[in-house]
């Protein structure tokens, strides 16, 4: 079946960004569809691996979590916790996982990941701890520069996630970033990942469909 102009553009852009990521030490793969991304993730993650994840709508939308839950993996799932203390402990255990799965708030054309975080656990795991990090990024996350990526993270992703988690922040009221000091602030930790060190530790699936926020 012939691809639409949009599909062709997404494929070309996605592959271009993958090349930029590879130059920065990331393992990067273009996946045309969510199903392609699910298959690639399961190809990368060996049976029996310990796996955890942060808040990751993109990973869920690809069906990766459903497949992991149905397969032979040792899952560290904070949503199984019976109380806040147990949840916090599972979040700490994620740092010792073989694989940590996450989305990204923004991805620049020159191969930089930009993320904002309320608690910091997600960006901390991306930076150090788990043996492997798998990032799933929809085509909608791609912007021109690192500066544009920061703007997207603060003004697009953060207000949507504030709604998603029911936070009491200015952006949850107005839809616009208030650069706030709210106790519920979701932009407490802001991290730009310019390179994967060691090379190949961070794998990025760039998906030719809209995913996440």
N, C-alpha and C. Protein backbone atom coordinates (compact mmCIF):
# COMPACT_ATOMS: atom_id res chain seq x y z
N UNK A 1 0.85 -1.19 0.00
CA UNK A 1 0.00 0.00 0.00
C UNK A 1 0.89 1.25 0.00
N UNK A 2 0.55 2.18 -0.87
CA UNK A 2 1.33 3.40 -0.95
C UNK A 2 1.20 4.23 0.32
N UNK A 3 2.30 4.85 0.72
CA UNK A 3 2.29 5.70 1.90
C UNK A 3 1.77 7.08 1.56
N UNK A 4 1.10 7.70 2.52
CA UNK A 4 0.60 9.05 2.33
C UNK A 4 1.76 10.03 2.42
N UNK A 5 1.58 11.27 1.91
CA UNK A 5 2.63 12.27 2.05
C UNK A 5 3.03 12.49 3.51
N UNK A 6 2.08 12.45 4.42
CA UNK A 6 2.39 12.62 5.84
C UNK A 6 3.25 11.47 6.35
N UNK A 7 2.90 10.25 5.97
CA UNK A 7 3.68 9.09 6.39
C UNK A 7 5.10 9.15 5.84
N UNK A 8 5.23 9.58 4.58
CA UNK A 8 6.55 9.71 3.99
C UNK A 8 7.38 10.77 4.70
N UNK A 9 6.75 11.89 5.00
CA UNK A 9 7.47 12.95 5.73
C UNK A 9 7.89 12.47 7.09
N UNK A 10 7.00 11.82 7.82
CA UNK A 10 7.32 11.33 9.16
C UNK A 10 8.47 10.33 9.13
N UNK A 11 8.46 9.46 8.13
CA UNK A 11 9.52 8.47 8.01
C UNK A 11 10.87 9.14 7.74
N UNK A 12 10.89 10.10 6.83
CA UNK A 12 12.15 10.79 6.51
C UNK A 12 12.66 11.58 7.71
N UNK A 13 11.75 12.30 8.39
CA UNK A 13 12.15 13.08 9.56
C UNK A 13 12.63 12.16 10.67
N UNK A 14 11.87 11.09 10.91
CA UNK A 14 12.25 10.15 11.97
C UNK A 14 13.62 9.55 11.75
N UNK A 15 13.91 9.16 10.53
CA UNK A 15 15.21 8.57 10.22
C UNK A 15 16.33 9.60 10.33
N UNK A 16 16.04 10.83 9.96
CA UNK A 16 17.03 11.90 10.10
C UNK A 16 17.38 12.12 11.56
N UNK A 17 16.36 12.14 12.43
CA UNK A 17 16.59 12.33 13.86
C UNK A 17 17.33 11.12 14.44
N UNK A 18 17.02 9.93 13.97
CA UNK A 18 17.74 8.73 14.44
C UNK A 18 19.23 8.84 14.11
N UNK A 19 19.56 9.34 12.95
CA UNK A 19 20.96 9.53 12.57
C UNK A 19 21.65 10.51 13.52
N UNK A 20 20.94 11.58 13.88
CA UNK A 20 21.51 12.56 14.81
C UNK A 20 21.72 11.94 16.18
N UNK A 21 20.76 11.15 16.64
CA UNK A 21 20.89 10.47 17.92
C UNK A 21 22.06 9.50 17.93
N UNK A 22 22.23 8.78 16.85
CA UNK A 22 23.32 7.81 16.76
C UNK A 22 24.68 8.50 16.85
N UNK A 23 24.79 9.69 16.29
CA UNK A 23 26.04 10.45 16.38
C UNK A 23 26.35 10.85 17.81
N UNK A 24 25.33 10.88 18.66
CA UNK A 24 25.50 11.25 20.07
C UNK A 24 25.58 10.03 20.99
N UNK A 25 25.76 8.86 20.42
CA UNK A 25 25.95 7.66 21.23
C UNK A 25 24.70 6.90 21.59
N UNK A 26 23.54 7.38 21.16
CA UNK A 26 22.29 6.66 21.40
C UNK A 26 22.14 5.54 20.36
N UNK A 27 21.55 4.43 20.75
CA UNK A 27 21.04 3.47 19.78
C UNK A 27 19.65 3.96 19.40
N UNK A 28 19.43 4.22 18.13
CA UNK A 28 18.15 4.81 17.72
C UNK A 28 17.58 4.04 16.55
N UNK A 29 16.26 3.84 16.60
CA UNK A 29 15.57 3.05 15.59
C UNK A 29 14.29 3.77 15.18
N UNK A 30 14.04 3.84 13.88
CA UNK A 30 12.77 4.39 13.43
C UNK A 30 11.75 3.27 13.31
N UNK A 31 10.58 3.47 13.90
CA UNK A 31 9.47 2.52 13.84
C UNK A 31 8.29 3.24 13.22
N UNK A 32 7.79 2.74 12.11
CA UNK A 32 6.73 3.44 11.41
C UNK A 32 5.43 3.53 12.18
N UNK A 33 5.12 2.50 12.97
CA UNK A 33 3.84 2.45 13.69
C UNK A 33 4.04 2.05 15.14
N UNK A 34 2.99 2.19 15.91
CA UNK A 34 3.03 1.77 17.31
C UNK A 34 3.32 0.28 17.42
N UNK A 35 2.73 -0.51 16.52
CA UNK A 35 2.95 -1.95 16.55
C UNK A 35 4.41 -2.28 16.23
N UNK A 36 4.99 -1.54 15.29
CA UNK A 36 6.42 -1.74 14.99
C UNK A 36 7.26 -1.44 16.23
N UNK A 37 6.87 -0.40 16.97
CA UNK A 37 7.62 -0.04 18.18
C UNK A 37 7.49 -1.11 19.25
N UNK A 38 6.30 -1.68 19.38
CA UNK A 38 6.10 -2.76 20.36
C UNK A 38 6.99 -3.94 20.03
N UNK A 39 7.01 -4.34 18.77
CA UNK A 39 7.82 -5.48 18.35
C UNK A 39 9.30 -5.20 18.57
N UNK A 40 9.75 -3.99 18.27
CA UNK A 40 11.17 -3.65 18.44
C UNK A 40 11.55 -3.66 19.91
N UNK A 41 10.68 -3.15 20.77
CA UNK A 41 10.95 -3.15 22.21
C UNK A 41 11.12 -4.57 22.72
N UNK A 42 10.23 -5.46 22.32
CA UNK A 42 10.30 -6.85 22.78
C UNK A 42 11.50 -7.58 22.19
N UNK A 43 11.94 -7.15 21.01
CA UNK A 43 13.15 -7.71 20.42
C UNK A 43 14.39 -7.32 21.23
N UNK A 44 14.37 -6.09 21.76
CA UNK A 44 15.52 -5.58 22.51
C UNK A 44 15.59 -6.14 23.93
N UNK A 45 14.43 -6.30 24.57
CA UNK A 45 14.38 -6.69 25.99
C UNK A 45 14.32 -8.21 26.09
N UNK A 46 15.39 -8.80 26.58
CA UNK A 46 15.47 -10.26 26.67
C UNK A 46 14.50 -10.81 27.71
N UNK A 47 13.96 -11.99 27.45
CA UNK A 47 13.12 -12.68 28.43
C UNK A 47 13.85 -12.81 29.75
N UNK A 48 13.12 -12.61 30.83
CA UNK A 48 13.70 -12.73 32.16
C UNK A 48 14.32 -11.46 32.68
N UNK A 49 14.42 -10.42 31.84
CA UNK A 49 15.00 -9.16 32.28
C UNK A 49 14.12 -8.51 33.34
N UNK A 50 14.75 -7.78 34.26
CA UNK A 50 13.99 -6.95 35.19
C UNK A 50 13.69 -5.62 34.50
N UNK A 51 12.43 -5.19 34.59
CA UNK A 51 11.98 -4.02 33.83
C UNK A 51 11.15 -3.12 34.73
N UNK A 52 11.40 -1.82 34.65
CA UNK A 52 10.57 -0.84 35.33
C UNK A 52 10.32 0.34 34.39
N UNK A 53 9.54 1.30 34.86
CA UNK A 53 9.20 2.42 34.00
C UNK A 53 8.70 3.59 34.83
N UNK A 54 8.75 4.77 34.22
CA UNK A 54 8.18 5.95 34.84
C UNK A 54 6.79 6.18 34.27
N UNK A 55 6.23 7.36 34.52
CA UNK A 55 4.96 7.69 33.89
C UNK A 55 5.19 7.80 32.39
N UNK A 56 4.61 6.90 31.61
CA UNK A 56 5.01 6.81 30.20
C UNK A 56 3.82 6.48 29.31
N UNK A 57 3.05 7.50 28.96
CA UNK A 57 1.88 7.30 28.12
C UNK A 57 2.27 6.72 26.76
N UNK A 58 3.40 7.16 26.21
CA UNK A 58 3.82 6.69 24.88
C UNK A 58 4.08 5.18 24.89
N UNK A 59 4.73 4.70 25.96
CA UNK A 59 5.02 3.27 26.07
C UNK A 59 3.72 2.48 26.18
N UNK A 60 2.79 3.00 26.98
CA UNK A 60 1.50 2.33 27.14
C UNK A 60 0.73 2.29 25.82
N UNK A 61 0.73 3.41 25.08
CA UNK A 61 -0.04 3.49 23.84
C UNK A 61 0.46 2.52 22.79
N UNK A 62 1.73 2.15 22.86
CA UNK A 62 2.28 1.17 21.92
C UNK A 62 1.97 -0.26 22.32
N UNK A 63 1.39 -0.46 23.49
CA UNK A 63 1.07 -1.80 23.95
C UNK A 63 2.26 -2.54 24.54
N UNK A 64 3.35 -1.83 24.80
CA UNK A 64 4.55 -2.48 25.31
C UNK A 64 4.35 -2.99 26.73
N UNK A 65 3.70 -2.19 27.58
CA UNK A 65 3.49 -2.63 28.96
C UNK A 65 2.58 -3.85 29.03
N UNK A 66 1.55 -3.87 28.20
CA UNK A 66 0.66 -5.04 28.18
C UNK A 66 1.44 -6.31 27.81
N UNK A 67 2.34 -6.17 26.83
CA UNK A 67 3.13 -7.34 26.41
C UNK A 67 4.10 -7.77 27.50
N UNK A 68 4.69 -6.81 28.19
CA UNK A 68 5.62 -7.16 29.27
C UNK A 68 4.89 -7.86 30.41
N UNK A 69 3.70 -7.39 30.73
CA UNK A 69 2.93 -7.99 31.82
C UNK A 69 2.49 -9.40 31.46
N UNK A 70 2.35 -9.68 30.17
CA UNK A 70 1.91 -11.01 29.74
C UNK A 70 3.08 -11.96 29.51
N UNK A 71 4.31 -11.43 29.55
CA UNK A 71 5.48 -12.24 29.22
C UNK A 71 6.30 -12.63 30.42
N UNK A 72 7.49 -13.19 30.14
CA UNK A 72 8.34 -13.70 31.21
C UNK A 72 9.37 -12.69 31.68
N UNK A 73 8.91 -11.62 32.29
CA UNK A 73 9.80 -10.56 32.75
C UNK A 73 9.61 -10.33 34.25
N UNK A 74 10.67 -9.85 34.89
CA UNK A 74 10.59 -9.50 36.31
C UNK A 74 10.26 -8.02 36.40
N UNK A 75 9.00 -7.70 36.63
CA UNK A 75 8.54 -6.32 36.57
C UNK A 75 8.64 -5.64 37.93
N UNK A 76 9.11 -4.42 37.90
CA UNK A 76 9.12 -3.55 39.09
C UNK A 76 8.09 -2.47 38.80
N UNK A 77 6.87 -2.69 39.25
CA UNK A 77 5.73 -1.86 38.88
C UNK A 77 5.23 -1.11 40.11
N UNK A 78 5.48 0.19 40.13
CA UNK A 78 5.10 0.99 41.30
C UNK A 78 3.58 1.03 41.51
N UNK A 79 2.82 0.75 40.44
CA UNK A 79 1.36 0.79 40.58
C UNK A 79 0.80 -0.41 41.32
N UNK A 80 1.66 -1.38 41.64
CA UNK A 80 1.22 -2.53 42.44
C UNK A 80 1.37 -2.27 43.93
N UNK A 81 1.92 -1.13 44.29
CA UNK A 81 2.17 -0.83 45.70
C UNK A 81 0.87 -0.67 46.47
N UNK A 82 0.91 -1.08 47.74
CA UNK A 82 -0.28 -0.97 48.58
C UNK A 82 -0.36 0.32 49.37
N UNK A 83 0.76 1.08 49.41
CA UNK A 83 0.77 2.33 50.16
C UNK A 83 1.90 3.21 49.62
N UNK A 84 1.93 4.49 50.01
CA UNK A 84 2.96 5.40 49.48
C UNK A 84 4.38 4.98 49.79
N UNK A 85 4.61 4.40 50.94
CA UNK A 85 5.96 3.96 51.30
C UNK A 85 6.43 2.83 50.38
N UNK A 86 5.54 1.88 50.13
CA UNK A 86 5.89 0.77 49.24
C UNK A 86 6.10 1.28 47.82
N UNK A 87 5.32 2.24 47.41
CA UNK A 87 5.47 2.82 46.08
C UNK A 87 6.83 3.49 45.94
N UNK A 88 7.22 4.25 46.95
CA UNK A 88 8.52 4.92 46.92
C UNK A 88 9.66 3.91 46.86
N UNK A 89 9.52 2.81 47.57
CA UNK A 89 10.56 1.78 47.57
C UNK A 89 10.68 1.12 46.19
N UNK A 90 9.56 0.88 45.55
CA UNK A 90 9.59 0.31 44.19
C UNK A 90 10.24 1.28 43.21
N UNK A 91 9.99 2.57 43.40
CA UNK A 91 10.60 3.57 42.53
C UNK A 91 12.12 3.58 42.71
N UNK A 92 12.59 3.34 43.94
CA UNK A 92 14.04 3.26 44.17
C UNK A 92 14.61 1.99 43.54
N UNK A 93 13.89 0.89 43.65
CA UNK A 93 14.37 -0.37 43.08
C UNK A 93 14.51 -0.30 41.56
N UNK A 94 13.77 0.62 40.95
CA UNK A 94 13.84 0.77 39.50
C UNK A 94 15.25 1.12 39.04
N UNK A 95 16.04 1.75 39.91
CA UNK A 95 17.40 2.14 39.54
C UNK A 95 18.32 0.93 39.34
N UNK A 96 17.89 -0.25 39.80
CA UNK A 96 18.70 -1.45 39.67
C UNK A 96 18.15 -2.39 38.59
N UNK A 97 17.19 -1.90 37.81
CA UNK A 97 16.57 -2.73 36.78
C UNK A 97 17.50 -2.91 35.58
N UNK A 98 17.28 -4.01 34.86
CA UNK A 98 18.00 -4.21 33.60
C UNK A 98 17.53 -3.20 32.55
N UNK A 99 16.25 -2.87 32.61
CA UNK A 99 15.66 -1.94 31.64
C UNK A 99 14.74 -0.96 32.33
N UNK A 100 14.82 0.30 31.91
CA UNK A 100 13.91 1.33 32.38
C UNK A 100 13.25 1.95 31.15
N UNK A 101 11.93 1.97 31.13
CA UNK A 101 11.17 2.46 29.98
C UNK A 101 10.57 3.82 30.28
N UNK A 102 10.61 4.70 29.29
CA UNK A 102 10.05 6.03 29.47
C UNK A 102 9.75 6.67 28.12
N UNK A 103 8.95 7.70 28.14
CA UNK A 103 8.81 8.56 26.98
C UNK A 103 9.79 9.71 27.10
N UNK A 104 9.58 10.74 26.32
CA UNK A 104 10.36 11.97 26.46
C UNK A 104 9.44 13.14 26.18
N UNK A 105 9.66 14.25 26.87
CA UNK A 105 8.82 15.43 26.66
C UNK A 105 9.10 16.11 25.33
N UNK A 106 10.35 16.00 24.88
CA UNK A 106 10.71 16.62 23.61
C UNK A 106 12.01 16.02 23.09
N UNK A 107 12.18 16.08 21.79
CA UNK A 107 13.35 15.53 21.11
C UNK A 107 13.72 16.49 19.99
N UNK A 108 14.95 17.00 20.02
CA UNK A 108 15.36 17.98 19.00
C UNK A 108 15.92 17.26 17.77
N UNK A 109 15.87 17.95 16.65
CA UNK A 109 16.34 17.37 15.40
C UNK A 109 17.83 17.06 15.44
N UNK A 110 18.58 17.74 16.31
CA UNK A 110 20.01 17.46 16.41
C UNK A 110 20.33 16.40 17.47
N UNK A 111 19.30 15.71 17.99
CA UNK A 111 19.53 14.54 18.82
C UNK A 111 19.67 14.79 20.30
N UNK A 112 18.86 15.68 20.87
CA UNK A 112 18.87 15.92 22.31
C UNK A 112 17.49 15.61 22.88
N UNK A 113 17.47 14.97 24.06
CA UNK A 113 16.23 14.70 24.78
C UNK A 113 16.08 15.73 25.88
N UNK A 114 14.90 16.31 26.01
CA UNK A 114 14.64 17.28 27.08
C UNK A 114 13.42 16.82 27.87
N UNK A 115 13.57 16.76 29.20
CA UNK A 115 12.49 16.28 30.06
C UNK A 115 12.37 17.11 31.32
N UNK A 116 11.13 17.34 31.74
CA UNK A 116 10.85 17.97 33.02
C UNK A 116 10.21 16.92 33.92
N UNK A 117 10.42 17.05 35.22
CA UNK A 117 9.95 16.02 36.14
C UNK A 117 9.57 16.65 37.47
N UNK A 118 8.51 16.14 38.05
CA UNK A 118 8.08 16.65 39.35
C UNK A 118 8.89 16.09 40.50
N UNK A 119 9.03 14.75 40.55
CA UNK A 119 9.79 14.09 41.62
C UNK A 119 11.25 13.89 41.27
N UNK A 120 11.56 13.80 40.00
CA UNK A 120 12.93 13.60 39.57
C UNK A 120 13.32 12.16 39.35
N UNK A 121 12.46 11.21 39.72
CA UNK A 121 12.83 9.79 39.61
C UNK A 121 13.01 9.37 38.16
N UNK A 122 12.18 9.89 37.28
CA UNK A 122 12.25 9.47 35.87
C UNK A 122 13.52 9.98 35.21
N UNK A 123 13.82 11.26 35.37
CA UNK A 123 15.02 11.80 34.73
C UNK A 123 16.29 11.27 35.40
N UNK A 124 16.20 10.96 36.70
CA UNK A 124 17.35 10.37 37.39
C UNK A 124 17.67 9.00 36.81
N UNK A 125 16.65 8.19 36.57
CA UNK A 125 16.86 6.86 36.00
C UNK A 125 17.37 6.94 34.57
N UNK A 126 16.93 7.94 33.85
CA UNK A 126 17.44 8.12 32.49
C UNK A 126 18.94 8.43 32.52
N UNK A 127 19.35 9.22 33.51
CA UNK A 127 20.74 9.67 33.58
C UNK A 127 21.68 8.60 34.11
N UNK A 128 21.23 7.81 35.09
CA UNK A 128 22.15 6.86 35.73
C UNK A 128 21.36 5.81 36.51
N UNK A 129 21.85 4.60 36.53
CA UNK A 129 21.22 3.56 37.34
C UNK A 129 20.89 2.33 36.53
N UNK A 130 19.71 2.26 35.91
CA UNK A 130 19.35 1.08 35.15
C UNK A 130 20.38 0.77 34.06
N UNK A 131 20.58 -0.52 33.79
CA UNK A 131 21.58 -0.91 32.79
C UNK A 131 21.23 -0.38 31.40
N UNK A 132 19.95 -0.38 31.09
CA UNK A 132 19.48 0.09 29.78
C UNK A 132 18.27 0.99 29.97
N UNK A 133 18.18 2.01 29.15
CA UNK A 133 17.01 2.89 29.13
C UNK A 133 16.41 2.84 27.73
N UNK A 134 15.11 2.60 27.66
CA UNK A 134 14.41 2.60 26.37
C UNK A 134 13.44 3.77 26.34
N UNK A 135 13.67 4.68 25.42
CA UNK A 135 12.84 5.87 25.26
C UNK A 135 11.96 5.69 24.04
N UNK A 136 10.65 5.89 24.19
CA UNK A 136 9.71 5.82 23.08
C UNK A 136 9.22 7.24 22.79
N UNK A 137 9.47 7.71 21.56
CA UNK A 137 9.15 9.10 21.22
C UNK A 137 8.30 9.15 19.96
N UNK A 138 7.09 9.67 20.09
CA UNK A 138 6.25 9.88 18.92
C UNK A 138 6.78 11.01 18.05
N UNK A 139 6.36 11.03 16.80
CA UNK A 139 6.83 12.04 15.86
C UNK A 139 6.46 13.45 16.30
N UNK A 140 5.42 13.56 17.12
CA UNK A 140 4.99 14.87 17.62
C UNK A 140 5.94 15.46 18.63
N UNK A 141 6.86 14.66 19.16
CA UNK A 141 7.82 15.16 20.16
C UNK A 141 9.02 15.88 19.51
N UNK A 142 9.15 15.77 18.19
CA UNK A 142 10.32 16.31 17.51
C UNK A 142 10.16 17.82 17.26
N UNK A 143 11.16 18.58 17.67
CA UNK A 143 11.21 20.02 17.42
C UNK A 143 12.58 20.35 16.84
N UNK A 144 12.77 21.60 16.46
CA UNK A 144 13.98 21.97 15.71
C UNK A 144 15.25 21.93 16.56
N UNK A 145 15.24 22.63 17.69
CA UNK A 145 16.47 22.80 18.48
C UNK A 145 16.28 22.39 19.93
N UNK A 146 17.40 22.34 20.67
CA UNK A 146 17.32 22.07 22.09
C UNK A 146 16.52 23.12 22.83
N UNK A 147 16.64 24.37 22.39
CA UNK A 147 15.86 25.46 23.02
C UNK A 147 14.36 25.24 22.77
N UNK A 148 14.02 24.83 21.55
CA UNK A 148 12.62 24.54 21.24
C UNK A 148 12.11 23.36 22.07
N UNK A 149 13.00 22.40 22.32
CA UNK A 149 12.62 21.23 23.12
C UNK A 149 12.27 21.64 24.54
N UNK A 150 13.04 22.56 25.11
CA UNK A 150 12.74 23.04 26.45
C UNK A 150 11.39 23.76 26.48
N UNK A 151 11.14 24.57 25.46
CA UNK A 151 9.85 25.26 25.38
C UNK A 151 8.71 24.27 25.29
N UNK A 152 8.87 23.23 24.48
CA UNK A 152 7.81 22.23 24.36
C UNK A 152 7.57 21.53 25.69
N UNK A 153 8.66 21.16 26.35
CA UNK A 153 8.53 20.45 27.62
C UNK A 153 7.78 21.28 28.65
N UNK A 154 8.09 22.58 28.71
CA UNK A 154 7.49 23.45 29.72
C UNK A 154 6.08 23.89 29.36
N UNK A 155 5.83 24.17 28.10
CA UNK A 155 4.58 24.83 27.72
C UNK A 155 3.54 23.90 27.09
N UNK A 156 3.97 22.71 26.66
CA UNK A 156 3.03 21.75 26.07
C UNK A 156 2.88 20.53 26.98
N UNK A 157 3.99 19.83 27.21
CA UNK A 157 3.92 18.58 27.98
C UNK A 157 3.52 18.82 29.43
N UNK A 158 4.15 19.80 30.07
CA UNK A 158 3.90 20.01 31.50
C UNK A 158 2.44 20.35 31.81
N UNK A 159 1.80 21.31 31.11
CA UNK A 159 0.40 21.59 31.41
C UNK A 159 -0.53 20.40 31.19
N UNK A 160 -0.25 19.60 30.16
CA UNK A 160 -1.08 18.42 29.92
C UNK A 160 -0.90 17.41 31.04
N UNK A 161 0.35 17.17 31.44
CA UNK A 161 0.59 16.22 32.52
C UNK A 161 0.04 16.72 33.86
N UNK A 162 0.03 18.04 34.05
CA UNK A 162 -0.58 18.59 35.27
C UNK A 162 -2.06 18.23 35.32
N UNK A 163 -2.73 18.29 34.16
CA UNK A 163 -4.14 17.87 34.09
C UNK A 163 -4.26 16.36 34.32
N UNK A 164 -3.35 15.62 33.72
CA UNK A 164 -3.37 14.16 33.80
C UNK A 164 -3.27 13.67 35.24
N UNK A 165 -2.42 14.33 36.04
CA UNK A 165 -2.20 13.91 37.42
C UNK A 165 -3.02 14.70 38.44
N UNK A 166 -3.88 15.60 37.96
CA UNK A 166 -4.73 16.36 38.86
C UNK A 166 -3.98 17.30 39.78
N UNK A 167 -2.94 17.95 39.27
CA UNK A 167 -2.10 18.82 40.09
C UNK A 167 -2.70 20.22 40.21
N UNK A 168 -2.37 20.87 41.32
CA UNK A 168 -2.84 22.23 41.55
C UNK A 168 -1.71 23.20 41.22
N UNK A 169 -1.63 23.52 39.94
CA UNK A 169 -0.61 24.44 39.44
C UNK A 169 -1.26 25.51 38.57
N UNK A 170 -0.59 26.63 38.35
CA UNK A 170 -1.14 27.63 37.44
C UNK A 170 -1.43 27.08 36.05
N UNK A 171 -0.54 26.20 35.55
CA UNK A 171 -0.77 25.69 34.19
C UNK A 171 -1.98 24.78 34.11
N UNK A 172 -2.37 24.18 35.24
CA UNK A 172 -3.58 23.35 35.23
C UNK A 172 -4.84 24.20 35.18
N UNK A 173 -4.70 25.48 35.55
CA UNK A 173 -5.83 26.42 35.52
C UNK A 173 -5.90 27.14 34.18
N UNK A 174 -4.74 27.62 33.70
CA UNK A 174 -4.72 28.46 32.50
C UNK A 174 -4.32 27.71 31.24
N UNK A 175 -3.67 26.56 31.40
CA UNK A 175 -3.14 25.85 30.24
C UNK A 175 -1.81 26.38 29.77
N UNK A 176 -1.32 27.45 30.41
CA UNK A 176 -0.06 28.07 30.03
C UNK A 176 0.92 27.99 31.20
N UNK A 177 2.21 27.85 30.88
CA UNK A 177 3.23 27.79 31.93
C UNK A 177 3.27 29.08 32.71
N UNK A 178 3.22 28.98 34.05
CA UNK A 178 3.30 30.15 34.91
C UNK A 178 4.66 30.28 35.58
N UNK A 179 5.63 29.43 35.17
CA UNK A 179 6.95 29.43 35.81
C UNK A 179 6.80 29.46 37.33
N UNK A 180 6.00 28.54 37.84
CA UNK A 180 5.49 28.63 39.20
C UNK A 180 6.44 28.07 40.25
N UNK A 181 6.11 28.40 41.49
CA UNK A 181 6.77 27.83 42.66
C UNK A 181 5.76 27.02 43.47
N UNK A 182 4.75 26.49 42.79
CA UNK A 182 3.70 25.74 43.45
C UNK A 182 4.24 24.46 44.09
N UNK A 183 3.68 24.05 45.24
CA UNK A 183 4.06 22.76 45.83
C UNK A 183 3.85 21.59 44.89
N UNK A 184 2.91 21.73 43.96
CA UNK A 184 2.61 20.67 42.99
C UNK A 184 3.39 20.83 41.69
N UNK A 185 4.31 21.76 41.64
CA UNK A 185 5.05 22.03 40.40
C UNK A 185 5.56 20.74 39.77
N UNK A 186 5.36 20.62 38.46
CA UNK A 186 5.79 19.42 37.75
C UNK A 186 7.11 19.64 37.02
N UNK A 187 7.66 20.86 37.15
CA UNK A 187 8.91 21.21 36.47
C UNK A 187 10.04 21.44 37.47
N UNK A 188 10.10 20.62 38.50
CA UNK A 188 11.12 20.80 39.54
C UNK A 188 12.52 20.43 39.05
N UNK A 189 12.58 19.42 38.19
CA UNK A 189 13.88 18.96 37.68
C UNK A 189 13.80 18.98 36.15
N UNK A 190 14.74 19.67 35.54
CA UNK A 190 14.76 19.81 34.08
C UNK A 190 16.10 19.27 33.59
N UNK A 191 16.06 18.26 32.70
CA UNK A 191 17.28 17.60 32.26
C UNK A 191 17.34 17.53 30.74
N UNK A 192 18.48 17.94 30.21
CA UNK A 192 18.77 17.76 28.79
C UNK A 192 19.78 16.63 28.66
N UNK A 193 19.44 15.61 27.91
CA UNK A 193 20.35 14.48 27.68
C UNK A 193 20.95 14.67 26.29
N UNK A 194 22.22 15.07 26.26
CA UNK A 194 22.90 15.38 25.00
C UNK A 194 23.59 14.17 24.39
N UNK A 195 24.05 13.27 25.24
CA UNK A 195 24.74 12.07 24.78
C UNK A 195 24.35 10.89 25.67
N UNK A 196 24.47 9.70 25.12
CA UNK A 196 24.32 8.48 25.93
C UNK A 196 25.70 8.05 26.37
N UNK A 197 25.89 7.96 27.69
CA UNK A 197 27.15 7.47 28.24
C UNK A 197 26.85 6.41 29.29
N UNK A 198 27.36 5.18 29.08
CA UNK A 198 28.15 4.75 27.93
C UNK A 198 27.30 4.69 26.65
N UNK A 199 28.01 4.72 25.52
CA UNK A 199 27.32 4.67 24.24
C UNK A 199 26.42 3.43 24.16
N UNK A 200 25.21 3.63 23.71
CA UNK A 200 24.28 2.53 23.55
C UNK A 200 23.44 2.22 24.76
N UNK A 201 23.75 2.83 25.91
CA UNK A 201 22.93 2.55 27.10
C UNK A 201 21.50 3.02 26.88
N UNK A 202 21.34 4.18 26.30
CA UNK A 202 20.00 4.71 26.02
C UNK A 202 19.62 4.37 24.59
N UNK A 203 18.50 3.67 24.46
CA UNK A 203 17.95 3.33 23.16
C UNK A 203 16.71 4.18 22.92
N UNK A 204 16.55 4.70 21.73
CA UNK A 204 15.41 5.55 21.41
C UNK A 204 14.65 4.96 20.23
N UNK A 205 13.36 4.73 20.43
CA UNK A 205 12.47 4.35 19.35
C UNK A 205 11.71 5.58 18.89
N UNK A 206 12.01 6.06 17.70
CA UNK A 206 11.29 7.21 17.14
C UNK A 206 10.16 6.63 16.29
N UNK A 207 8.93 6.94 16.69
CA UNK A 207 7.75 6.32 16.10
C UNK A 207 7.05 7.32 15.18
N UNK A 208 6.72 6.88 13.99
CA UNK A 208 6.09 7.76 13.00
C UNK A 208 4.62 8.03 13.22
N UNK A 209 4.18 8.04 14.47
CA UNK A 209 2.80 8.37 14.83
C UNK A 209 2.81 9.29 16.03
N UNK A 210 1.68 9.95 16.27
CA UNK A 210 1.55 10.83 17.43
C UNK A 210 1.37 9.97 18.68
N UNK A 211 2.21 10.23 19.67
CA UNK A 211 2.16 9.48 20.93
C UNK A 211 2.31 10.43 22.11
N UNK A 212 1.62 10.13 23.19
CA UNK A 212 1.83 10.87 24.43
C UNK A 212 1.47 12.34 24.31
N UNK A 213 2.17 13.15 25.13
CA UNK A 213 1.78 14.55 25.26
C UNK A 213 2.96 15.47 24.98
